[in-house]
Amino acid sequence: MDEQRAHARRATEPRRSLAVCAVIGAAVMAAIDEIVFHQILHWHHFYDRSSDGVALLSDGLLHTAELLALVAGFVLFADLRRRHALSPAHAWAGLFLGLGAFQLFDGIVDHKLLRLHQIRYGVDVTPYDWAWNLAGLVLLLVGAGLSVRAARRGPRTP
């Protein structure tokens, strides 16, 4: 029995579990952004510095990338589960790291550095920027905390 557990622990792939779920997390956050802020609230498009047609095209391309990342992530996740190589603690850490990384990248790089779009137009964006980036930072810190905790506990079997 102890030999089986030892083999199962060796067979888990903590780094891959974290990376695969980080891809899923980033894709999920992209989907939330696309659905809530682009489609439901109509606050912005992925690229707002051109015509409405280009803005809609940019949303479609973002949606395509997000769906491809979700499919690829879940295929890789299913492979980890099938091979009993998934490390659940590392997977949860990766999910939150991906959620937070996408949110912060979007808030800092897309909104401020590249100015592809703002969160919202016609209002003072400062409170929106703070809320957006703080939410991303919280998600990233949760992921980092879970990652440290998972590393201390070592790989676990599902």
Protein backbone atom coordinates (compact mmCIF):
# COMPACT_ATOMS: atom_id res chain seq x y z
CA MET A 1 0.00 0.00 0.00
CA ASP A 2 2.79 2.46 0.91
CA GLU A 3 4.56 1.56 -2.33
CA GLN A 4 1.37 2.43 -4.28
CA ARG A 5 1.12 5.82 -2.57
CA ALA A 6 4.78 6.55 -3.21
CA HIS A 7 4.36 5.68 -6.89
CA ALA A 8 1.25 7.85 -7.13
CA ARG A 9 3.10 10.80 -5.56
CA ARG A 10 5.97 10.39 -8.02
CA ALA A 11 3.52 10.21 -10.90
CA THR A 12 1.85 13.55 -10.14
CA GLU A 13 3.04 16.53 -12.13
CA PRO A 14 2.78 19.64 -9.95
CA ARG A 15 4.33 22.10 -12.43
CA ARG A 16 2.23 20.88 -15.32
CA SER A 17 -0.90 20.88 -13.14
CA LEU A 18 -0.19 24.50 -12.22
CA ALA A 19 0.58 25.57 -15.81
CA VAL A 20 -2.43 23.83 -17.37
CA CYS A 21 -4.82 25.35 -14.85
CA ALA A 22 -3.20 28.78 -15.26
CA VAL A 23 -4.13 28.60 -18.95
CA ILE A 24 -7.68 27.64 -17.97
CA GLY A 25 -7.81 30.49 -15.43
CA ALA A 26 -6.66 33.08 -17.96
CA ALA A 27 -9.22 31.80 -20.46
CA VAL A 28 -12.02 31.89 -17.88
CA MET A 29 -11.16 35.49 -16.96
CA ALA A 30 -11.06 36.43 -20.64
CA ALA A 31 -14.52 34.87 -21.00
CA ILE A 32 -15.84 36.81 -17.99
CA ASP A 33 -14.42 40.04 -19.43
CA GLU A 34 -15.82 39.33 -22.88
CA ILE A 35 -19.27 38.30 -21.70
CA VAL A 36 -19.82 40.85 -18.91
CA PHE A 37 -18.00 43.99 -20.04
CA HIS A 38 -18.08 43.61 -23.83
CA GLN A 39 -21.44 41.96 -24.47
CA ILE A 40 -23.76 42.56 -21.49
CA LEU A 41 -22.67 46.01 -20.27
CA HIS A 42 -21.30 47.27 -23.63
CA TRP A 43 -18.59 49.21 -21.77
CA HIS A 44 -15.80 48.49 -24.22
CA HIS A 45 -14.45 46.26 -26.97
CA PHE A 46 -11.05 44.64 -27.07
CA TYR A 47 -9.84 47.32 -29.51
CA ASP A 48 -11.73 50.61 -29.35
CA ARG A 49 -9.44 52.84 -31.38
CA SER A 50 -11.08 52.25 -34.76
CA SER A 51 -14.50 51.65 -36.30
CA ASP A 52 -17.35 49.65 -34.78
CA GLY A 53 -16.63 46.88 -37.28
CA VAL A 54 -13.00 46.60 -36.18
CA ALA A 55 -14.10 46.68 -32.53
CA LEU A 56 -16.49 43.77 -33.10
CA LEU A 57 -13.83 41.89 -35.05
CA SER A 58 -11.37 42.35 -32.17
CA ASP A 59 -13.98 40.97 -29.74
CA GLY A 60 -14.49 37.98 -32.02
CA LEU A 61 -10.74 37.33 -32.15
CA LEU A 62 -10.49 37.59 -28.34
CA HIS A 63 -13.42 35.19 -28.01
CA THR A 64 -11.76 32.76 -30.43
CA ALA A 65 -8.47 32.85 -28.52
CA GLU A 66 -10.30 32.38 -25.21
CA LEU A 67 -12.22 29.35 -26.54
CA LEU A 68 -9.08 27.79 -28.00
CA ALA A 69 -7.28 28.25 -24.67
CA LEU A 70 -10.23 26.70 -22.79
CA VAL A 71 -10.34 23.69 -25.10
CA ALA A 72 -6.57 23.19 -25.01
CA GLY A 73 -6.49 23.66 -21.25
CA PHE A 74 -9.26 21.17 -20.62
CA VAL A 75 -7.73 18.62 -23.01
CA LEU A 76 -4.45 18.86 -21.08
CA PHE A 77 -6.35 18.78 -17.76
CA ALA A 78 -8.19 15.63 -18.85
CA ASP A 79 -4.86 14.06 -19.82
CA LEU A 80 -3.44 14.79 -16.36
CA ARG A 81 -6.51 13.25 -14.73
CA ARG A 82 -6.48 10.21 -17.02
CA ARG A 83 -2.85 9.50 -16.14
CA HIS A 84 -3.50 10.18 -12.42
CA ALA A 85 -0.83 12.91 -12.68
CA LEU A 86 -2.98 15.84 -11.55
CA SER A 87 -1.85 17.61 -8.40
CA PRO A 88 -5.11 19.26 -7.21
CA ALA A 89 -3.43 21.75 -4.87
CA HIS A 90 -1.15 22.96 -7.66
CA ALA A 91 -4.08 23.02 -10.09
CA TRP A 92 -6.08 25.35 -7.80
CA ALA A 93 -3.03 27.59 -7.44
CA GLY A 94 -2.63 27.70 -11.21
CA LEU A 95 -6.30 28.55 -11.75
CA PHE A 96 -6.09 31.60 -9.45
CA LEU A 97 -2.71 32.65 -10.88
CA GLY A 98 -4.20 32.55 -14.39
CA LEU A 99 -7.28 34.51 -13.34
CA GLY A 100 -5.20 37.21 -11.67
CA ALA A 101 -2.50 37.35 -14.34
CA PHE A 102 -5.05 37.93 -17.10
CA GLN A 103 -6.85 40.59 -15.06
CA LEU A 104 -3.65 42.49 -14.23
CA PHE A 105 -2.25 42.16 -17.75
CA ASP A 106 -5.49 43.53 -19.17
CA GLY A 107 -5.65 46.35 -16.63
CA ILE A 108 -2.04 47.46 -16.89
CA VAL A 109 -0.90 46.55 -20.40
CA ASP A 110 -4.12 46.73 -22.46
CA HIS A 111 -5.77 49.62 -20.59
CA LYS A 112 -2.82 51.83 -19.67
CA LEU A 113 0.29 51.00 -21.68
CA LEU A 114 -1.19 50.06 -25.07
CA ARG A 115 -4.45 51.97 -24.56
CA LEU A 116 -6.36 49.38 -26.60
CA HIS A 117 -9.45 50.24 -24.58
CA GLN A 118 -10.55 51.64 -21.25
CA ILE A 119 -12.83 49.84 -18.82
CA ARG A 120 -15.56 52.37 -19.40
CA TYR A 121 -16.01 55.59 -21.32
CA GLY A 122 -17.64 58.90 -20.38
CA VAL A 123 -16.78 58.62 -16.67
CA ASP A 124 -13.75 59.08 -14.44
CA VAL A 125 -12.00 55.73 -14.93
CA THR A 126 -9.81 56.01 -11.83
CA PRO A 127 -12.11 54.05 -9.47
CA TYR A 128 -12.73 51.46 -12.20
CA ASP A 129 -8.98 51.07 -12.80
CA TRP A 130 -8.31 50.65 -9.07
CA ALA A 131 -11.10 48.09 -8.66
CA TRP A 132 -10.02 46.19 -11.81
CA ASN A 133 -6.35 46.01 -10.87
CA LEU A 134 -6.92 45.35 -7.16
CA ALA A 135 -9.26 42.47 -8.05
CA GLY A 136 -6.53 41.05 -10.29
CA LEU A 137 -3.92 41.52 -7.57
CA VAL A 138 -6.11 39.74 -5.00
CA LEU A 139 -6.62 36.79 -7.36
CA LEU A 140 -2.88 36.68 -8.08
CA LEU A 141 -2.03 36.77 -4.36
CA VAL A 142 -4.52 33.98 -3.63
CA GLY A 143 -2.85 31.94 -6.38
CA ALA A 144 0.62 32.68 -5.03
CA GLY A 145 -0.47 31.70 -1.52
CA LEU A 146 -2.01 28.47 -2.77
CA SER A 147 1.15 27.76 -4.77
CA VAL A 148 3.40 28.20 -1.73
CA ARG A 149 1.06 26.03 0.35
CA ALA A 150 0.99 23.33 -2.35
CA ALA A 151 4.79 23.35 -2.62
CA ARG A 152 5.18 22.97 1.14
CA ARG A 153 2.73 20.06 1.28
CA GLY A 154 4.28 18.36 -1.71
CA PRO A 155 2.42 16.70 -4.56
CA ARG A 156 -0.81 15.00 -3.55
CA THR A 157 -2.80 12.33 -5.24
CA PRO A 158 -6.31 13.17 -6.47
